[in-house]
mmCIF file of all heavy atoms, coordinates in Angstrom:
data_MODEL
# 
_entry.id   MODEL 
# 
loop_
_atom_site.group_PDB 
_atom_site.id 
_atom_site.type_symbol 
_atom_site.label_atom_id 
_atom_site.label_alt_id 
_atom_site.label_comp_id 
_atom_site.label_asym_id 
_atom_site.label_entity_id 
_atom_site.label_seq_id 
_atom_site.pdbx_PDB_ins_code 
_atom_site.Cartn_x 
_atom_site.Cartn_y 
_atom_site.Cartn_z 
_atom_site.occupancy 
_atom_site.B_iso_or_equiv 
_atom_site.pdbx_formal_charge 
_atom_site.auth_seq_id 
_atom_site.auth_comp_id 
_atom_site.auth_asym_id 
_atom_site.auth_atom_id 
_atom_site.pdbx_PDB_model_num 
ATOM 1   N N   . ALA A 1 1  ? 129.131 79.215 97.040  1.00 0.00 ? 1  ALA A N   1 
ATOM 2   C CA  . ALA A 1 1  ? 129.858 78.241 96.181  1.00 0.00 ? 1  ALA A CA  1 
ATOM 3   C C   . ALA A 1 1  ? 131.375 78.515 96.099  1.00 0.00 ? 1  ALA A C   1 
ATOM 4   O O   . ALA A 1 1  ? 132.145 77.585 96.168  1.00 0.00 ? 1  ALA A O   1 
ATOM 5   C CB  . ALA A 1 1  ? 129.185 78.253 94.805  1.00 0.00 ? 1  ALA A CB  1 
ATOM 6   N N   . LEU A 1 2  ? 131.742 79.780 95.939  1.00 0.00 ? 2  LEU A N   1 
ATOM 7   C CA  . LEU A 1 2  ? 133.153 80.186 95.914  1.00 0.00 ? 2  LEU A CA  1 
ATOM 8   C C   . LEU A 1 2  ? 133.782 79.756 97.261  1.00 0.00 ? 2  LEU A C   1 
ATOM 9   O O   . LEU A 1 2  ? 134.955 79.236 97.295  1.00 0.00 ? 2  LEU A O   1 
ATOM 10  C CB  . LEU A 1 2  ? 133.281 81.666 95.660  1.00 0.00 ? 2  LEU A CB  1 
ATOM 11  C CG  . LEU A 1 2  ? 133.028 82.127 94.204  1.00 0.00 ? 2  LEU A CG  1 
ATOM 12  C CD1 . LEU A 1 2  ? 132.967 83.658 94.132  1.00 0.00 ? 2  LEU A CD1 1 
ATOM 13  C CD2 . LEU A 1 2  ? 134.078 81.519 93.226  1.00 0.00 ? 2  LEU A CD2 1 
ATOM 14  N N   . LYS A 1 3  ? 133.169 80.084 98.314  1.00 0.00 ? 3  LYS A N   1 
ATOM 15  C CA  . LYS A 1 3  ? 133.698 79.773 99.631  1.00 0.00 ? 3  LYS A CA  1 
ATOM 16  C C   . LYS A 1 3  ? 133.876 78.288 99.864  1.00 0.00 ? 3  LYS A C   1 
ATOM 17  O O   . LYS A 1 3  ? 134.859 77.830 100.507 1.00 0.00 ? 3  LYS A O   1 
ATOM 18  C CB  . LYS A 1 3  ? 132.890 80.371 100.767 1.00 0.00 ? 3  LYS A CB  1 
ATOM 19  C CG  . LYS A 1 3  ? 133.121 81.913 100.864 1.00 0.00 ? 3  LYS A CG  1 
ATOM 20  C CD  . LYS A 1 3  ? 132.497 82.517 102.072 1.00 0.00 ? 3  LYS A CD  1 
ATOM 21  C CE  . LYS A 1 3  ? 131.014 82.851 101.851 1.00 0.00 ? 3  LYS A CE  1 
ATOM 22  N NZ  . LYS A 1 3  ? 130.458 83.605 103.004 1.00 0.00 ? 3  LYS A NZ  1 
ATOM 23  N N   . SER A 1 4  ? 132.960 77.512 99.319  1.00 0.00 ? 4  SER A N   1 
ATOM 24  C CA  . SER A 1 4  ? 133.042 76.024 99.450  1.00 0.00 ? 4  SER A CA  1 
ATOM 25  C C   . SER A 1 4  ? 134.308 75.538 98.616  1.00 0.00 ? 4  SER A C   1 
ATOM 26  O O   . SER A 1 4  ? 135.032 74.708 99.115  1.00 0.00 ? 4  SER A O   1 
ATOM 27  C CB  . SER A 1 4  ? 131.872 75.388 98.823  1.00 0.00 ? 4  SER A CB  1 
ATOM 28  O OG  . SER A 1 4  ? 130.681 75.538 99.612  1.00 0.00 ? 4  SER A OG  1 
ATOM 29  N N   . GLY A 1 5  ? 134.536 76.175 97.498  1.00 0.00 ? 5  GLY A N   1 
ATOM 30  C CA  . GLY A 1 5  ? 135.752 75.851 96.729  1.00 0.00 ? 5  GLY A CA  1 
ATOM 31  C C   . GLY A 1 5  ? 137.018 76.258 97.432  1.00 0.00 ? 5  GLY A C   1 
ATOM 32  O O   . GLY A 1 5  ? 138.035 75.478 97.496  1.00 0.00 ? 5  GLY A O   1 
ATOM 33  N N   . PHE A 1 6  ? 137.009 77.421 98.007  1.00 0.00 ? 6  PHE A N   1 
ATOM 34  C CA  . PHE A 1 6  ? 138.166 77.930 98.678  1.00 0.00 ? 6  PHE A CA  1 
ATOM 35  C C   . PHE A 1 6  ? 138.514 77.010 99.946  1.00 0.00 ? 6  PHE A C   1 
ATOM 36  O O   . PHE A 1 6  ? 139.619 76.692 100.286 1.00 0.00 ? 6  PHE A O   1 
ATOM 37  C CB  . PHE A 1 6  ? 138.052 79.336 99.179  1.00 0.00 ? 6  PHE A CB  1 
ATOM 38  C CG  . PHE A 1 6  ? 137.857 80.389 98.046  1.00 0.00 ? 6  PHE A CG  1 
ATOM 39  C CD1 . PHE A 1 6  ? 137.297 81.614 98.291  1.00 0.00 ? 6  PHE A CD1 1 
ATOM 40  C CD2 . PHE A 1 6  ? 138.173 80.017 96.749  1.00 0.00 ? 6  PHE A CD2 1 
ATOM 41  C CE1 . PHE A 1 6  ? 137.177 82.543 97.279  1.00 0.00 ? 6  PHE A CE1 1 
ATOM 42  C CE2 . PHE A 1 6  ? 138.022 80.944 95.724  1.00 0.00 ? 6  PHE A CE2 1 
ATOM 43  C CZ  . PHE A 1 6  ? 137.566 82.171 95.981  1.00 0.00 ? 6  PHE A CZ  1 
ATOM 44  N N   . ASN A 1 7  ? 137.415 76.632 100.655 1.00 0.00 ? 7  ASN A N   1 
ATOM 45  C CA  . ASN A 1 7  ? 137.574 75.867 101.847 1.00 0.00 ? 7  ASN A CA  1 
ATOM 46  C C   . ASN A 1 7  ? 138.159 74.493 101.471 1.00 0.00 ? 7  ASN A C   1 
ATOM 47  O O   . ASN A 1 7  ? 139.008 73.964 102.252 1.00 0.00 ? 7  ASN A O   1 
ATOM 48  C CB  . ASN A 1 7  ? 136.284 75.715 102.547 1.00 0.00 ? 7  ASN A CB  1 
ATOM 49  C CG  . ASN A 1 7  ? 136.331 75.026 103.842 1.00 0.00 ? 7  ASN A CG  1 
ATOM 50  O OD1 . ASN A 1 7  ? 136.985 75.502 104.837 1.00 0.00 ? 7  ASN A OD1 1 
ATOM 51  N ND2 . ASN A 1 7  ? 135.874 73.751 103.950 1.00 0.00 ? 7  ASN A ND2 1 
ATOM 52  N N   . TYR A 1 8  ? 137.691 73.928 100.380 1.00 0.00 ? 8  TYR A N   1 
ATOM 53  C CA  . TYR A 1 8  ? 138.233 72.632 99.921  1.00 0.00 ? 8  TYR A CA  1 
ATOM 54  C C   . TYR A 1 8  ? 139.687 72.735 99.637  1.00 0.00 ? 8  TYR A C   1 
ATOM 55  O O   . TYR A 1 8  ? 140.449 71.845 100.048 1.00 0.00 ? 8  TYR A O   1 
ATOM 56  C CB  . TYR A 1 8  ? 137.438 72.152 98.672  1.00 0.00 ? 8  TYR A CB  1 
ATOM 57  C CG  . TYR A 1 8  ? 138.013 70.912 98.123  1.00 0.00 ? 8  TYR A CG  1 
ATOM 58  C CD1 . TYR A 1 8  ? 137.587 69.631 98.572  1.00 0.00 ? 8  TYR A CD1 1 
ATOM 59  C CD2 . TYR A 1 8  ? 138.911 70.895 97.074  1.00 0.00 ? 8  TYR A CD2 1 
ATOM 60  C CE1 . TYR A 1 8  ? 138.049 68.462 98.049  1.00 0.00 ? 8  TYR A CE1 1 
ATOM 61  C CE2 . TYR A 1 8  ? 139.431 69.720 96.589  1.00 0.00 ? 8  TYR A CE2 1 
ATOM 62  C CZ  . TYR A 1 8  ? 138.996 68.508 97.074  1.00 0.00 ? 8  TYR A CZ  1 
ATOM 63  O OH  . TYR A 1 8  ? 139.502 67.328 96.522  1.00 0.00 ? 8  TYR A OH  1 
ATOM 64  N N   . ILE A 1 9  ? 140.105 73.841 99.014  1.00 0.00 ? 9  ILE A N   1 
ATOM 65  C CA  . ILE A 1 9  ? 141.547 74.002 98.743  1.00 0.00 ? 9  ILE A CA  1 
ATOM 66  C C   . ILE A 1 9  ? 142.341 74.117 99.981  1.00 0.00 ? 9  ILE A C   1 
ATOM 67  O O   . ILE A 1 9  ? 143.476 73.596 100.083 1.00 0.00 ? 9  ILE A O   1 
ATOM 68  C CB  . ILE A 1 9  ? 141.746 75.252 97.787  1.00 0.00 ? 9  ILE A CB  1 
ATOM 69  C CG1 . ILE A 1 9  ? 141.118 74.988 96.418  1.00 0.00 ? 9  ILE A CG1 1 
ATOM 70  C CG2 . ILE A 1 9  ? 143.230 75.594 97.625  1.00 0.00 ? 9  ILE A CG2 1 
ATOM 71  C CD1 . ILE A 1 9  ? 140.963 76.276 95.594  1.00 0.00 ? 9  ILE A CD1 1 
ATOM 72  N N   . LEU A 1 10 ? 141.862 74.907 100.969 1.00 0.00 ? 10 LEU A N   1 
ATOM 73  C CA  . LEU A 1 10 ? 142.600 75.080 102.225 1.00 0.00 ? 10 LEU A CA  1 
ATOM 74  C C   . LEU A 1 10 ? 142.738 73.807 102.990 1.00 0.00 ? 10 LEU A C   1 
ATOM 75  O O   . LEU A 1 10 ? 143.675 73.680 103.784 1.00 0.00 ? 10 LEU A O   1 
ATOM 76  C CB  . LEU A 1 10 ? 141.890 76.162 103.053 1.00 0.00 ? 10 LEU A CB  1 
ATOM 77  C CG  . LEU A 1 10 ? 142.020 77.571 102.544 1.00 0.00 ? 10 LEU A CG  1 
ATOM 78  C CD1 . LEU A 1 10 ? 141.089 78.553 103.378 1.00 0.00 ? 10 LEU A CD1 1 
ATOM 79  C CD2 . LEU A 1 10 ? 143.411 78.082 102.600 1.00 0.00 ? 10 LEU A CD2 1 
ATOM 80  N N   . THR A 1 11 ? 141.891 72.900 102.794 1.00 0.00 ? 11 THR A N   1 
ATOM 81  C CA  . THR A 1 11 ? 142.042 71.562 103.496 1.00 0.00 ? 11 THR A CA  1 
ATOM 82  C C   . THR A 1 11 ? 142.797 70.555 102.648 1.00 0.00 ? 11 THR A C   1 
ATOM 83  O O   . THR A 1 11 ? 143.017 69.414 103.141 1.00 0.00 ? 11 THR A O   1 
ATOM 84  C CB  . THR A 1 11 ? 140.610 70.942 103.801 1.00 0.00 ? 11 THR A CB  1 
ATOM 85  O OG1 . THR A 1 11 ? 139.918 70.741 102.574 1.00 0.00 ? 11 THR A OG1 1 
ATOM 86  C CG2 . THR A 1 11 ? 139.816 71.936 104.675 1.00 0.00 ? 11 THR A CG2 1 
ATOM 87  N N   . ASP A 1 12 ? 143.249 70.899 101.503 1.00 0.00 ? 12 ASP A N   1 
ATOM 88  C CA  . ASP A 1 12 ? 144.037 69.995 100.614 1.00 0.00 ? 12 ASP A CA  1 
ATOM 89  C C   . ASP A 1 12 ? 145.505 70.115 100.950 1.00 0.00 ? 12 ASP A C   1 
ATOM 90  O O   . ASP A 1 12 ? 146.030 71.221 100.855 1.00 0.00 ? 12 ASP A O   1 
ATOM 91  C CB  . ASP A 1 12 ? 143.808 70.346 99.156  1.00 0.00 ? 12 ASP A CB  1 
ATOM 92  C CG  . ASP A 1 12 ? 144.423 69.395 98.232  1.00 0.00 ? 12 ASP A CG  1 
ATOM 93  O OD1 . ASP A 1 12 ? 145.247 68.515 98.698  1.00 0.00 ? 12 ASP A OD1 1 
ATOM 94  O OD2 . ASP A 1 12 ? 144.264 69.586 97.037  1.00 0.00 ? 12 ASP A OD2 1 
ATOM 95  N N   . PRO A 1 13 ? 146.109 69.037 101.395 1.00 0.00 ? 13 PRO A N   1 
ATOM 96  C CA  . PRO A 1 13 ? 147.597 69.115 101.749 1.00 0.00 ? 13 PRO A CA  1 
ATOM 97  C C   . PRO A 1 13 ? 148.477 69.480 100.553 1.00 0.00 ? 13 PRO A C   1 
ATOM 98  O O   . PRO A 1 13 ? 149.602 69.838 100.741 1.00 0.00 ? 13 PRO A O   1 
ATOM 99  C CB  . PRO A 1 13 ? 147.900 67.739 102.280 1.00 0.00 ? 13 PRO A CB  1 
ATOM 100 C CG  . PRO A 1 13 ? 146.800 66.855 101.768 1.00 0.00 ? 13 PRO A CG  1 
ATOM 101 C CD  . PRO A 1 13 ? 145.585 67.708 101.628 1.00 0.00 ? 13 PRO A CD  1 
ATOM 102 N N   . ASN A 1 14 ? 147.926 69.288 99.370  1.00 0.00 ? 14 ASN A N   1 
ATOM 103 C CA  . ASN A 1 14 ? 148.706 69.600 98.166  1.00 0.00 ? 14 ASN A CA  1 
ATOM 104 C C   . ASN A 1 14 ? 148.593 71.060 97.654  1.00 0.00 ? 14 ASN A C   1 
ATOM 105 O O   . ASN A 1 14 ? 149.116 71.374 96.603  1.00 0.00 ? 14 ASN A O   1 
ATOM 106 C CB  . ASN A 1 14 ? 148.322 68.690 96.996  1.00 0.00 ? 14 ASN A CB  1 
ATOM 107 C CG  . ASN A 1 14 ? 148.695 67.202 97.377  1.00 0.00 ? 14 ASN A CG  1 
ATOM 108 O OD1 . ASN A 1 14 ? 149.792 66.958 97.959  1.00 0.00 ? 14 ASN A OD1 1 
ATOM 109 N ND2 . ASN A 1 14 ? 147.806 66.339 97.039  1.00 0.00 ? 14 ASN A ND2 1 
ATOM 110 N N   . ALA A 1 15 ? 147.772 71.845 98.423  1.00 0.00 ? 15 ALA A N   1 
ATOM 111 C CA  . ALA A 1 15 ? 147.471 73.202 97.968  1.00 0.00 ? 15 ALA A CA  1 
ATOM 112 C C   . ALA A 1 15 ? 148.720 74.064 97.833  1.00 0.00 ? 15 ALA A C   1 
ATOM 113 O O   . ALA A 1 15 ? 148.815 74.935 97.015  1.00 0.00 ? 15 ALA A O   1 
ATOM 114 C CB  . ALA A 1 15 ? 146.420 73.855 98.904  1.00 0.00 ? 15 ALA A CB  1 
ATOM 115 N N   . SER A 1 16 ? 149.675 73.769 98.730  1.00 0.00 ? 16 SER A N   1 
ATOM 116 C CA  . SER A 1 16 ? 150.923 74.588 98.700  1.00 0.00 ? 16 SER A CA  1 
ATOM 117 C C   . SER A 1 16 ? 151.711 74.415 97.422  1.00 0.00 ? 16 SER A C   1 
ATOM 118 O O   . SER A 1 16 ? 152.676 75.175 97.131  1.00 0.00 ? 16 SER A O   1 
ATOM 119 C CB  . SER A 1 16 ? 151.783 74.167 99.876  1.00 0.00 ? 16 SER A CB  1 
ATOM 120 O OG  . SER A 1 16 ? 152.149 72.837 99.838  1.00 0.00 ? 16 SER A OG  1 
ATOM 121 N N   . ASP A 1 17 ? 151.392 73.425 96.540  1.00 0.00 ? 17 ASP A N   1 
ATOM 122 C CA  . ASP A 1 17 ? 152.048 73.246 95.323  1.00 0.00 ? 17 ASP A CA  1 
ATOM 123 C C   . ASP A 1 17 ? 151.614 74.270 94.299  1.00 0.00 ? 17 ASP A C   1 
ATOM 124 O O   . ASP A 1 17 ? 152.283 74.402 93.242  1.00 0.00 ? 17 ASP A O   1 
ATOM 125 C CB  . ASP A 1 17 ? 151.758 71.860 94.749  1.00 0.00 ? 17 ASP A CB  1 
ATOM 126 C CG  . ASP A 1 17 ? 152.317 70.702 95.623  1.00 0.00 ? 17 ASP A CG  1 
ATOM 127 O OD1 . ASP A 1 17 ? 153.208 70.979 96.406  1.00 0.00 ? 17 ASP A OD1 1 
ATOM 128 O OD2 . ASP A 1 17 ? 151.812 69.604 95.512  1.00 0.00 ? 17 ASP A OD2 1 
ATOM 129 N N   . TYR A 1 18 ? 150.620 75.032 94.620  1.00 0.00 ? 18 TYR A N   1 
ATOM 130 C CA  . TYR A 1 18 ? 149.993 75.970 93.665  1.00 0.00 ? 18 TYR A CA  1 
ATOM 131 C C   . TYR A 1 18 ? 150.243 77.434 94.167  1.00 0.00 ? 18 TYR A C   1 
ATOM 132 O O   . TYR A 1 18 ? 150.319 77.644 95.385  1.00 0.00 ? 18 TYR A O   1 
ATOM 133 C CB  . TYR A 1 18 ? 148.512 75.770 93.466  1.00 0.00 ? 18 TYR A CB  1 
ATOM 134 C CG  . TYR A 1 18 ? 148.246 74.450 92.807  1.00 0.00 ? 18 TYR A CG  1 
ATOM 135 C CD1 . TYR A 1 18 ? 148.065 73.279 93.608  1.00 0.00 ? 18 TYR A CD1 1 
ATOM 136 C CD2 . TYR A 1 18 ? 148.168 74.328 91.383  1.00 0.00 ? 18 TYR A CD2 1 
ATOM 137 C CE1 . TYR A 1 18 ? 147.820 72.036 92.976  1.00 0.00 ? 18 TYR A CE1 1 
ATOM 138 C CE2 . TYR A 1 18 ? 147.906 73.084 90.825  1.00 0.00 ? 18 TYR A CE2 1 
ATOM 139 C CZ  . TYR A 1 18 ? 147.699 71.985 91.623  1.00 0.00 ? 18 TYR A CZ  1 
ATOM 140 O OH  . TYR A 1 18 ? 147.456 70.780 91.037  1.00 0.00 ? 18 TYR A OH  1 
ATOM 141 N N   . SER A 1 19 ? 150.321 78.394 93.219  1.00 0.00 ? 19 SER A N   1 
ATOM 142 C CA  . SER A 1 19 ? 150.572 79.770 93.645  1.00 0.00 ? 19 SER A CA  1 
ATOM 143 C C   . SER A 1 19 ? 149.238 80.465 93.911  1.00 0.00 ? 19 SER A C   1 
ATOM 144 O O   . SER A 1 19 ? 149.254 81.501 94.627  1.00 0.00 ? 19 SER A O   1 
ATOM 145 C CB  . SER A 1 19 ? 151.349 80.496 92.546  1.00 0.00 ? 19 SER A CB  1 
ATOM 146 O OG  . SER A 1 19 ? 150.624 80.451 91.310  1.00 0.00 ? 19 SER A OG  1 
ATOM 147 N N   . GLY A 1 20 ? 148.209 80.054 93.331  1.00 0.00 ? 20 GLY A N   1 
ATOM 148 C CA  . GLY A 1 20 ? 146.958 80.733 93.550  1.00 0.00 ? 20 GLY A CA  1 
ATOM 149 C C   . GLY A 1 20 ? 145.734 80.077 92.878  1.00 0.00 ? 20 GLY A C   1 
ATOM 150 O O   . GLY A 1 20 ? 145.878 78.940 92.342  1.00 0.00 ? 20 GLY A O   1 
ATOM 151 N N   . VAL A 1 21 ? 144.637 80.794 92.964  1.00 0.00 ? 21 VAL A N   1 
ATOM 152 C CA  . VAL A 1 21 ? 143.359 80.307 92.427  1.00 0.00 ? 21 VAL A CA  1 
ATOM 153 C C   . VAL A 1 21 ? 142.767 81.281 91.451  1.00 0.00 ? 21 VAL A C   1 
ATOM 154 O O   . VAL A 1 21 ? 142.903 82.498 91.717  1.00 0.00 ? 21 VAL A O   1 
ATOM 155 C CB  . VAL A 1 21 ? 142.351 80.119 93.623  1.00 0.00 ? 21 VAL A CB  1 
ATOM 156 C CG1 . VAL A 1 21 ? 140.942 79.775 93.159  1.00 0.00 ? 21 VAL A CG1 1 
ATOM 157 C CG2 . VAL A 1 21 ? 142.832 79.070 94.650  1.00 0.00 ? 21 VAL A CG2 1 
ATOM 158 N N   . ILE A 1 22 ? 142.179 80.773 90.391  1.00 0.00 ? 22 ILE A N   1 
ATOM 159 C CA  . ILE A 1 22 ? 141.482 81.648 89.496  1.00 0.00 ? 22 ILE A CA  1 
ATOM 160 C C   . ILE A 1 22 ? 140.047 81.294 89.468  1.00 0.00 ? 22 ILE A C   1 
ATOM 161 O O   . ILE A 1 22 ? 139.682 80.129 89.234  1.00 0.00 ? 22 ILE A O   1 
ATOM 162 C CB  . ILE A 1 22 ? 142.059 81.542 88.053  1.00 0.00 ? 22 ILE A CB  1 
ATOM 163 C CG1 . ILE A 1 22 ? 143.475 81.993 88.007  1.00 0.00 ? 22 ILE A CG1 1 
ATOM 164 C CG2 . ILE A 1 22 ? 141.189 82.391 87.075  1.00 0.00 ? 22 ILE A CG2 1 
ATOM 165 C CD1 . ILE A 1 22 ? 144.181 81.883 86.666  1.00 0.00 ? 22 ILE A CD1 1 
ATOM 166 N N   . THR A 1 23 ? 139.200 82.230 89.815  1.00 0.00 ? 23 THR A N   1 
ATOM 167 C CA  . THR A 1 23 ? 137.729 82.018 89.821  1.00 0.00 ? 23 THR A CA  1 
ATOM 168 C C   . THR A 1 23 ? 137.204 82.324 88.367  1.00 0.00 ? 23 THR A C   1 
ATOM 169 O O   . THR A 1 23 ? 137.557 83.380 87.860  1.00 0.00 ? 23 THR A O   1 
ATOM 170 C CB  . THR A 1 23 ? 137.039 82.862 90.823  1.00 0.00 ? 23 THR A CB  1 
ATOM 171 O OG1 . THR A 1 23 ? 137.159 84.229 90.561  1.00 0.00 ? 23 THR A OG1 1 
ATOM 172 C CG2 . THR A 1 23 ? 137.571 82.629 92.224  1.00 0.00 ? 23 THR A CG2 1 
ATOM 173 N N   . VAL A 1 24 ? 136.416 81.411 87.933  1.00 0.00 ? 24 VAL A N   1 
ATOM 174 C CA  . VAL A 1 24 ? 135.841 81.609 86.538  1.00 0.00 ? 24 VAL A CA  1 
ATOM 175 C C   . VAL A 1 24 ? 134.368 81.390 86.579  1.00 0.00 ? 24 VAL A C   1 
ATOM 176 O O   . VAL A 1 24 ? 133.843 80.428 87.250  1.00 0.00 ? 24 VAL A O   1 
ATOM 177 C CB  . VAL A 1 24 ? 136.449 80.499 85.626  1.00 0.00 ? 24 VAL A CB  1 
ATOM 178 C CG1 . VAL A 1 24 ? 135.913 80.622 84.185  1.00 0.00 ? 24 VAL A CG1 1 
ATOM 179 C CG2 . VAL A 1 24 ? 137.969 80.615 85.644  1.00 0.00 ? 24 VAL A CG2 1 
ATOM 180 N N   . ASP A 1 25 ? 133.565 82.281 85.888  1.00 0.00 ? 25 ASP A N   1 
ATOM 181 C CA  . ASP A 1 25 ? 132.129 82.068 85.836  1.00 0.00 ? 25 ASP A CA  1 
ATOM 182 C C   . ASP A 1 25 ? 131.826 80.899 84.958  1.00 0.00 ? 25 ASP A C   1 
ATOM 183 O O   . ASP A 1 25 ? 132.497 80.677 83.928  1.00 0.00 ? 25 ASP A O   1 
ATOM 184 C CB  . ASP A 1 25 ? 131.496 83.339 85.329  1.00 0.00 ? 25 ASP A CB  1 
ATOM 185 C CG  . ASP A 1 25 ? 131.501 84.414 86.360  1.00 0.00 ? 25 ASP A CG  1 
ATOM 186 O OD1 . ASP A 1 25 ? 131.810 84.217 87.470  1.00 0.00 ? 25 ASP A OD1 1 
ATOM 187 O OD2 . ASP A 1 25 ? 131.206 85.583 85.961  1.00 0.00 ? 25 ASP A OD2 1 
# 
């Protein structure tokens, strides 16, 4: 599930607008 989220972000052209990701349970 985490990797699905990360992969989605990496394919998002707007991802560079963000500094990072916070994973939350």
